[in-house]
Amino acid sequence: MSALTAPHGSIGGAASIVDIQWKVDVLMTSLNEVEQVAVPVAVVGLRLSNGILLTYTLTPDELHQWRFALAKGMRDVLYLQAKQPPHMAKKARQ
């Protein structure tokens, strides 16, 4: 399971997001006994309408992947609502 997905079937049916909480944290990790490295992470909590709380701890790269996937999904929903697939909308604008 990646940091970007929930276990299959763990959120049930048609649950929706009712609250989002997030914070930026810094994890200290040791390369060896002398050197320590600060690793920034984003902690994102999603509360669903069925009461389930999903918590994700994401590195900056994972956060950007998550944000991109979410934006793409939202774009696709908008195109579906307009009943026009994304590849057709590009041709219409040209």
Protein backbone atom coordinates (compact mmCIF):
# COMPACT_ATOMS: atom_id res chain seq x y z
CA MET A 1 0.00 0.00 0.00
CA SER A 2 1.44 3.35 -0.97
CA ALA A 3 1.09 6.53 1.05
CA LEU A 4 -1.48 7.74 -1.45
CA THR A 5 -4.08 4.97 -1.19
CA ALA A 6 -6.27 3.42 1.47
CA PRO A 7 -6.57 -0.36 1.83
CA HIS A 8 -9.07 -1.76 -0.68
CA GLY A 9 -12.57 -1.74 0.75
CA SER A 10 -11.56 0.07 3.92
CA ILE A 11 -13.72 3.15 3.37
CA GLY A 12 -16.94 1.39 2.45
CA GLY A 13 -19.42 2.68 -0.09
CA ALA A 14 -20.15 6.22 -1.17
CA ALA A 15 -18.49 8.12 1.67
CA SER A 16 -17.63 11.77 1.13
CA ILE A 17 -14.99 13.99 2.73
CA VAL A 18 -16.52 16.18 5.45
CA ASP A 19 -13.34 17.64 6.99
CA ILE A 20 -9.69 18.04 6.07
CA GLN A 21 -6.93 18.85 8.53
CA TRP A 22 -3.26 19.17 7.69
CA LYS A 23 0.03 20.22 9.18
CA VAL A 24 3.67 20.31 8.17
CA ASP A 25 6.02 18.44 10.44
CA VAL A 26 9.74 17.70 10.47
CA LEU A 27 11.00 14.20 11.15
CA MET A 28 14.53 13.78 12.40
CA THR A 29 16.26 10.74 10.96
CA SER A 30 19.78 9.48 11.57
CA LEU A 31 22.12 8.62 8.74
CA ASN A 32 24.59 7.29 11.28
CA GLU A 33 25.36 7.92 14.94
CA VAL A 34 26.75 11.40 14.24
CA GLU A 35 24.63 12.83 11.41
CA GLN A 36 20.95 13.65 11.65
CA VAL A 37 18.78 14.88 8.79
CA ALA A 38 15.53 16.84 9.03
CA VAL A 39 12.89 15.46 6.66
CA PRO A 40 9.80 17.63 6.05
CA VAL A 41 6.47 15.79 5.85
CA ALA A 42 2.87 16.83 5.43
CA VAL A 43 0.35 15.09 7.68
CA VAL A 44 -3.11 15.13 6.07
CA GLY A 45 -6.23 13.91 7.84
CA LEU A 46 -9.47 13.28 5.95
CA ARG A 47 -12.67 12.71 7.94
CA LEU A 48 -15.31 10.88 5.93
CA SER A 49 -19.08 11.08 6.22
CA ASN A 50 -19.14 7.52 7.57
CA GLY A 51 -16.93 8.54 10.52
CA ILE A 52 -13.68 7.02 9.25
CA LEU A 53 -10.53 9.16 9.65
CA LEU A 54 -7.81 8.57 7.05
CA THR A 55 -4.39 9.95 7.96
CA TYR A 56 -1.57 10.24 5.43
CA THR A 57 2.04 11.19 6.11
CA LEU A 58 3.53 12.42 2.85
CA THR A 59 6.99 13.51 1.78
CA PRO A 60 7.11 16.62 -0.44
CA ASP A 61 7.27 14.43 -3.57
CA GLU A 62 4.32 12.30 -2.43
CA LEU A 63 2.33 15.45 -1.59
CA HIS A 64 2.89 16.80 -5.11
CA GLN A 65 1.81 13.44 -6.62
CA TRP A 66 -1.29 13.44 -4.40
CA ARG A 67 -2.13 17.04 -5.31
CA PHE A 68 -1.68 16.32 -9.02
CA ALA A 69 -3.89 13.19 -8.86
CA LEU A 70 -6.57 15.11 -6.97
CA ALA A 71 -6.50 18.02 -9.44
CA LYS A 72 -6.68 15.60 -12.38
CA GLY A 73 -9.62 13.78 -10.81
CA MET A 74 -11.46 17.04 -10.20
CA ARG A 75 -10.80 18.13 -13.79
CA ASP A 76 -12.15 14.83 -15.08
CA VAL A 77 -15.31 15.22 -12.99
CA LEU A 78 -15.87 18.68 -14.44
CA TYR A 79 -15.47 17.32 -17.97
CA LEU A 80 -17.87 14.45 -17.19
CA GLN A 81 -20.42 16.92 -15.87
CA ALA A 82 -20.11 18.84 -19.13
CA LYS A 83 -20.31 15.46 -20.96
CA GLN A 84 -17.21 16.31 -22.92
CA PRO A 85 -14.07 14.13 -22.60
CA PRO A 86 -10.76 15.95 -21.90
CA HIS A 87 -9.24 15.13 -25.31
CA MET A 88 -12.30 16.62 -27.08
CA ALA A 89 -12.17 19.82 -25.02
CA LYS A 90 -8.57 20.42 -26.14
CA LYS A 91 -9.59 20.13 -29.80
CA ALA A 92 -12.54 22.49 -29.28
CA ARG A 93 -10.22 25.18 -27.82
CA GLN A 94 -7.79 24.99 -30.75
